[in-house]
Amino acid sequence: RALHERGRLKEAQYLLVNLHQRAPGFRQLGDAYILLAQLYLEQHSDLGRAGKLLQFGGRHFPEQLDSEAGQKTRQMFTRLQAAG
């Protein structure tokens, strides 16, 4: 999150990709994947990757997907999807 807030998006993205494999016990894994989906949307408008992460989050971390950050990211995804 700190890297994202500092505008260091590539570094944040690098740290978060496949985090579930490198640190399966990380308590904030759901939040991390919501942030990664947000990065894909902000940085590349990559609906495919962001959508997969949101689906993964919905299956494994539904409470985080319902959080404020999760709702914001889903709204961003929906807006970009509608814009085509």
N, C-alpha and C. Protein backbone atom coordinates (compact mmCIF):
# COMPACT_ATOMS: atom_id res chain seq x y z
N ARG A 1 0.83 -1.19 0.00
CA ARG A 1 0.00 0.00 0.00
C ARG A 1 0.88 1.25 0.00
N ALA A 2 1.97 1.22 0.77
CA ALA A 2 2.85 2.39 0.84
C ALA A 2 3.47 2.68 -0.52
N LEU A 3 3.86 1.66 -1.25
CA LEU A 3 4.42 1.87 -2.58
C LEU A 3 3.37 2.49 -3.51
N HIS A 4 2.15 2.00 -3.43
CA HIS A 4 1.06 2.54 -4.24
C HIS A 4 0.83 4.01 -3.93
N GLU A 5 0.81 4.36 -2.66
CA GLU A 5 0.58 5.74 -2.24
C GLU A 5 1.71 6.66 -2.68
N ARG A 6 2.89 6.12 -2.83
CA ARG A 6 4.05 6.92 -3.28
C ARG A 6 4.18 6.96 -4.80
N GLY A 7 3.24 6.32 -5.49
CA GLY A 7 3.29 6.32 -6.95
C GLY A 7 4.24 5.31 -7.54
N ARG A 8 4.73 4.41 -6.74
CA ARG A 8 5.68 3.39 -7.21
C ARG A 8 4.88 2.13 -7.57
N LEU A 9 4.07 2.27 -8.63
CA LEU A 9 3.09 1.26 -8.98
C LEU A 9 3.73 -0.03 -9.48
N LYS A 10 4.76 0.07 -10.27
CA LYS A 10 5.42 -1.15 -10.79
C LYS A 10 5.98 -1.98 -9.65
N GLU A 11 6.60 -1.33 -8.68
CA GLU A 11 7.17 -2.06 -7.55
C GLU A 11 6.07 -2.72 -6.71
N ALA A 12 4.98 -1.98 -6.50
CA ALA A 12 3.86 -2.54 -5.74
C ALA A 12 3.29 -3.75 -6.47
N GLN A 13 3.13 -3.62 -7.76
CA GLN A 13 2.61 -4.72 -8.57
C GLN A 13 3.52 -5.93 -8.48
N TYR A 14 4.81 -5.73 -8.58
CA TYR A 14 5.78 -6.82 -8.51
C TYR A 14 5.68 -7.57 -7.18
N LEU A 15 5.52 -6.82 -6.09
CA LEU A 15 5.43 -7.45 -4.77
C LEU A 15 4.15 -8.26 -4.59
N LEU A 16 3.07 -7.83 -5.21
CA LEU A 16 1.77 -8.44 -4.96
C LEU A 16 1.45 -9.64 -5.85
N VAL A 17 2.06 -9.71 -7.04
CA VAL A 17 1.77 -10.82 -7.95
C VAL A 17 2.19 -12.14 -7.30
N ASN A 18 1.29 -13.10 -7.30
CA ASN A 18 1.52 -14.43 -6.73
C ASN A 18 1.88 -14.42 -5.25
N LEU A 19 1.42 -13.42 -4.55
CA LEU A 19 1.70 -13.32 -3.12
C LEU A 19 1.14 -14.52 -2.36
N HIS A 20 0.04 -15.08 -2.82
CA HIS A 20 -0.56 -16.23 -2.15
C HIS A 20 0.36 -17.45 -2.18
N GLN A 21 1.26 -17.50 -3.15
CA GLN A 21 2.21 -18.62 -3.22
C GLN A 21 3.44 -18.35 -2.35
N ARG A 22 3.88 -17.09 -2.33
CA ARG A 22 5.08 -16.75 -1.56
C ARG A 22 4.80 -16.60 -0.07
N ALA A 23 3.60 -16.12 0.26
CA ALA A 23 3.27 -15.88 1.67
C ALA A 23 1.83 -16.29 1.94
N PRO A 24 1.55 -17.59 1.90
CA PRO A 24 0.16 -18.04 2.04
C PRO A 24 -0.47 -17.71 3.39
N GLY A 25 0.32 -17.46 4.39
CA GLY A 25 -0.21 -17.13 5.71
C GLY A 25 -0.38 -15.63 5.95
N PHE A 26 -0.09 -14.82 4.96
CA PHE A 26 -0.20 -13.37 5.10
C PHE A 26 -1.64 -13.00 5.42
N ARG A 27 -1.86 -12.33 6.53
CA ARG A 27 -3.22 -12.06 7.02
C ARG A 27 -4.01 -11.11 6.14
N GLN A 28 -3.34 -10.25 5.42
CA GLN A 28 -4.03 -9.25 4.61
C GLN A 28 -3.96 -9.60 3.12
N LEU A 29 -3.96 -10.88 2.83
CA LEU A 29 -3.86 -11.34 1.45
C LEU A 29 -5.03 -10.84 0.61
N GLY A 30 -6.23 -10.87 1.15
CA GLY A 30 -7.40 -10.39 0.41
C GLY A 30 -7.27 -8.91 0.07
N ASP A 31 -6.83 -8.12 1.03
CA ASP A 31 -6.62 -6.69 0.78
C ASP A 31 -5.53 -6.47 -0.26
N ALA A 32 -4.50 -7.30 -0.22
CA ALA A 32 -3.40 -7.17 -1.18
C ALA A 32 -3.90 -7.43 -2.60
N TYR A 33 -4.76 -8.41 -2.78
CA TYR A 33 -5.25 -8.70 -4.12
C TYR A 33 -6.25 -7.68 -4.62
N ILE A 34 -6.98 -7.06 -3.71
CA ILE A 34 -7.84 -5.94 -4.12
C ILE A 34 -6.98 -4.78 -4.59
N LEU A 35 -5.91 -4.51 -3.87
CA LEU A 35 -4.99 -3.45 -4.27
C LEU A 35 -4.35 -3.77 -5.62
N LEU A 36 -3.97 -5.02 -5.83
CA LEU A 36 -3.38 -5.40 -7.11
C LEU A 36 -4.38 -5.21 -8.25
N ALA A 37 -5.62 -5.58 -8.03
CA ALA A 37 -6.65 -5.36 -9.05
C ALA A 37 -6.79 -3.87 -9.34
N GLN A 38 -6.75 -3.07 -8.30
CA GLN A 38 -6.82 -1.61 -8.47
C GLN A 38 -5.64 -1.10 -9.29
N LEU A 39 -4.45 -1.63 -9.02
CA LEU A 39 -3.26 -1.24 -9.78
C LEU A 39 -3.42 -1.58 -11.26
N TYR A 40 -3.92 -2.78 -11.56
CA TYR A 40 -4.12 -3.16 -12.95
C TYR A 40 -5.11 -2.21 -13.63
N LEU A 41 -6.13 -1.80 -12.92
CA LEU A 41 -7.13 -0.90 -13.50
C LEU A 41 -6.56 0.50 -13.69
N GLU A 42 -5.86 1.01 -12.69
CA GLU A 42 -5.30 2.37 -12.76
C GLU A 42 -4.18 2.47 -13.78
N GLN A 43 -3.33 1.49 -13.79
CA GLN A 43 -2.12 1.55 -14.58
C GLN A 43 -2.34 1.19 -16.04
N HIS A 44 -3.12 0.17 -16.30
CA HIS A 44 -3.22 -0.36 -17.65
C HIS A 44 -4.65 -0.49 -18.16
N SER A 45 -5.62 -0.17 -17.33
CA SER A 45 -7.03 -0.46 -17.65
C SER A 45 -7.16 -1.93 -18.06
N ASP A 46 -6.44 -2.79 -17.36
CA ASP A 46 -6.40 -4.22 -17.66
C ASP A 46 -7.58 -4.92 -16.99
N LEU A 47 -8.70 -4.94 -17.70
CA LEU A 47 -9.92 -5.52 -17.16
C LEU A 47 -9.80 -7.03 -16.97
N GLY A 48 -9.06 -7.70 -17.82
CA GLY A 48 -8.92 -9.15 -17.73
C GLY A 48 -8.26 -9.58 -16.44
N ARG A 49 -7.09 -9.02 -16.17
CA ARG A 49 -6.37 -9.40 -14.94
C ARG A 49 -7.11 -8.92 -13.69
N ALA A 50 -7.63 -7.70 -13.75
CA ALA A 50 -8.35 -7.18 -12.59
C ALA A 50 -9.59 -8.03 -12.32
N GLY A 51 -10.30 -8.41 -13.36
CA GLY A 51 -11.49 -9.25 -13.19
C GLY A 51 -11.16 -10.59 -12.57
N LYS A 52 -10.06 -11.19 -13.01
CA LYS A 52 -9.65 -12.48 -12.44
C LYS A 52 -9.30 -12.33 -10.96
N LEU A 53 -8.63 -11.25 -10.61
CA LEU A 53 -8.29 -11.02 -9.21
C LEU A 53 -9.53 -10.78 -8.36
N LEU A 54 -10.48 -10.04 -8.90
CA LEU A 54 -11.72 -9.80 -8.15
C LEU A 54 -12.51 -11.10 -7.97
N GLN A 55 -12.50 -11.94 -8.98
CA GLN A 55 -13.17 -13.25 -8.85
C GLN A 55 -12.46 -14.10 -7.80
N PHE A 56 -11.13 -14.14 -7.86
CA PHE A 56 -10.33 -14.88 -6.88
C PHE A 56 -10.62 -14.36 -5.48
N GLY A 57 -10.64 -13.03 -5.34
CA GLY A 57 -10.93 -12.43 -4.05
C GLY A 57 -12.33 -12.76 -3.55
N GLY A 58 -13.28 -12.79 -4.46
CA GLY A 58 -14.66 -13.13 -4.08
C GLY A 58 -14.79 -14.55 -3.58
N ARG A 59 -14.01 -15.45 -4.17
CA ARG A 59 -14.06 -16.86 -3.74
C ARG A 59 -13.32 -17.09 -2.43
N HIS A 60 -12.18 -16.47 -2.27
CA HIS A 60 -11.31 -16.77 -1.13
C HIS A 60 -11.37 -15.72 -0.01
N PHE A 61 -11.74 -14.49 -0.33
CA PHE A 61 -11.73 -13.40 0.65
C PHE A 61 -12.96 -12.52 0.50
N PRO A 62 -14.16 -13.09 0.62
CA PRO A 62 -15.37 -12.30 0.36
C PRO A 62 -15.53 -11.10 1.28
N GLU A 63 -15.05 -11.19 2.50
CA GLU A 63 -15.20 -10.06 3.42
C GLU A 63 -14.38 -8.86 2.97
N GLN A 64 -13.21 -9.09 2.40
CA GLN A 64 -12.41 -7.98 1.89
C GLN A 64 -13.03 -7.39 0.63
N LEU A 65 -13.65 -8.23 -0.18
CA LEU A 65 -14.29 -7.74 -1.39
C LEU A 65 -15.47 -6.84 -1.05
N ASP A 66 -16.08 -7.07 0.10
CA ASP A 66 -17.19 -6.23 0.55
C ASP A 66 -16.73 -5.00 1.32
N SER A 67 -15.44 -4.88 1.55
CA SER A 67 -14.90 -3.72 2.28
C SER A 67 -15.01 -2.47 1.41
N GLU A 68 -14.71 -1.34 1.99
CA GLU A 68 -14.76 -0.07 1.24
C GLU A 68 -13.82 -0.10 0.04
N ALA A 69 -12.60 -0.59 0.24
CA ALA A 69 -11.64 -0.66 -0.86
C ALA A 69 -12.11 -1.65 -1.93
N GLY A 70 -12.68 -2.75 -1.50
CA GLY A 70 -13.20 -3.74 -2.45
C GLY A 70 -14.34 -3.18 -3.27
N GLN A 71 -15.25 -2.48 -2.63
CA GLN A 71 -16.37 -1.88 -3.35
C GLN A 71 -15.90 -0.82 -4.32
N LYS A 72 -14.93 0.00 -3.90
CA LYS A 72 -14.38 1.05 -4.76
C LYS A 72 -13.73 0.42 -6.00
N THR A 73 -12.98 -0.65 -5.80
CA THR A 73 -12.30 -1.31 -6.91
C THR A 73 -13.31 -1.95 -7.86
N ARG A 74 -14.35 -2.58 -7.31
CA ARG A 74 -15.39 -3.18 -8.16
C ARG A 74 -16.13 -2.11 -8.95
N GLN A 75 -16.38 -0.95 -8.34
CA GLN A 75 -17.03 0.15 -9.05
C GLN A 75 -16.16 0.66 -10.19
N MET A 76 -14.86 0.78 -9.94
CA MET A 76 -13.93 1.21 -10.98
C MET A 76 -13.93 0.21 -12.12
N PHE A 77 -13.91 -1.07 -11.77
CA PHE A 77 -13.94 -2.15 -12.78
C PHE A 77 -15.21 -2.04 -13.63
N THR A 78 -16.34 -1.85 -12.98
CA THR A 78 -17.63 -1.76 -13.68
C THR A 78 -17.66 -0.55 -14.61
N ARG A 79 -17.16 0.60 -14.13
CA ARG A 79 -17.13 1.81 -14.97
C ARG A 79 -16.26 1.61 -16.21
N LEU A 80 -15.07 1.03 -16.01
CA LEU A 80 -14.18 0.81 -17.15
C LEU A 80 -14.76 -0.22 -18.11
N GLN A 81 -15.41 -1.22 -17.57
CA GLN A 81 -16.03 -2.25 -18.40
C GLN A 81 -17.15 -1.64 -19.24
N ALA A 82 -17.94 -0.76 -18.65
CA ALA A 82 -19.05 -0.13 -19.36
C ALA A 82 -18.53 0.83 -20.43
N ALA A 83 -17.38 1.46 -20.16
CA ALA A 83 -16.80 2.41 -21.12
C ALA A 83 -16.23 1.68 -22.34
N GLY A 84 -15.99 0.38 -22.16
CA GLY A 84 -15.51 -0.44 -23.27
C GLY A 84 -14.08 -0.22 -23.53
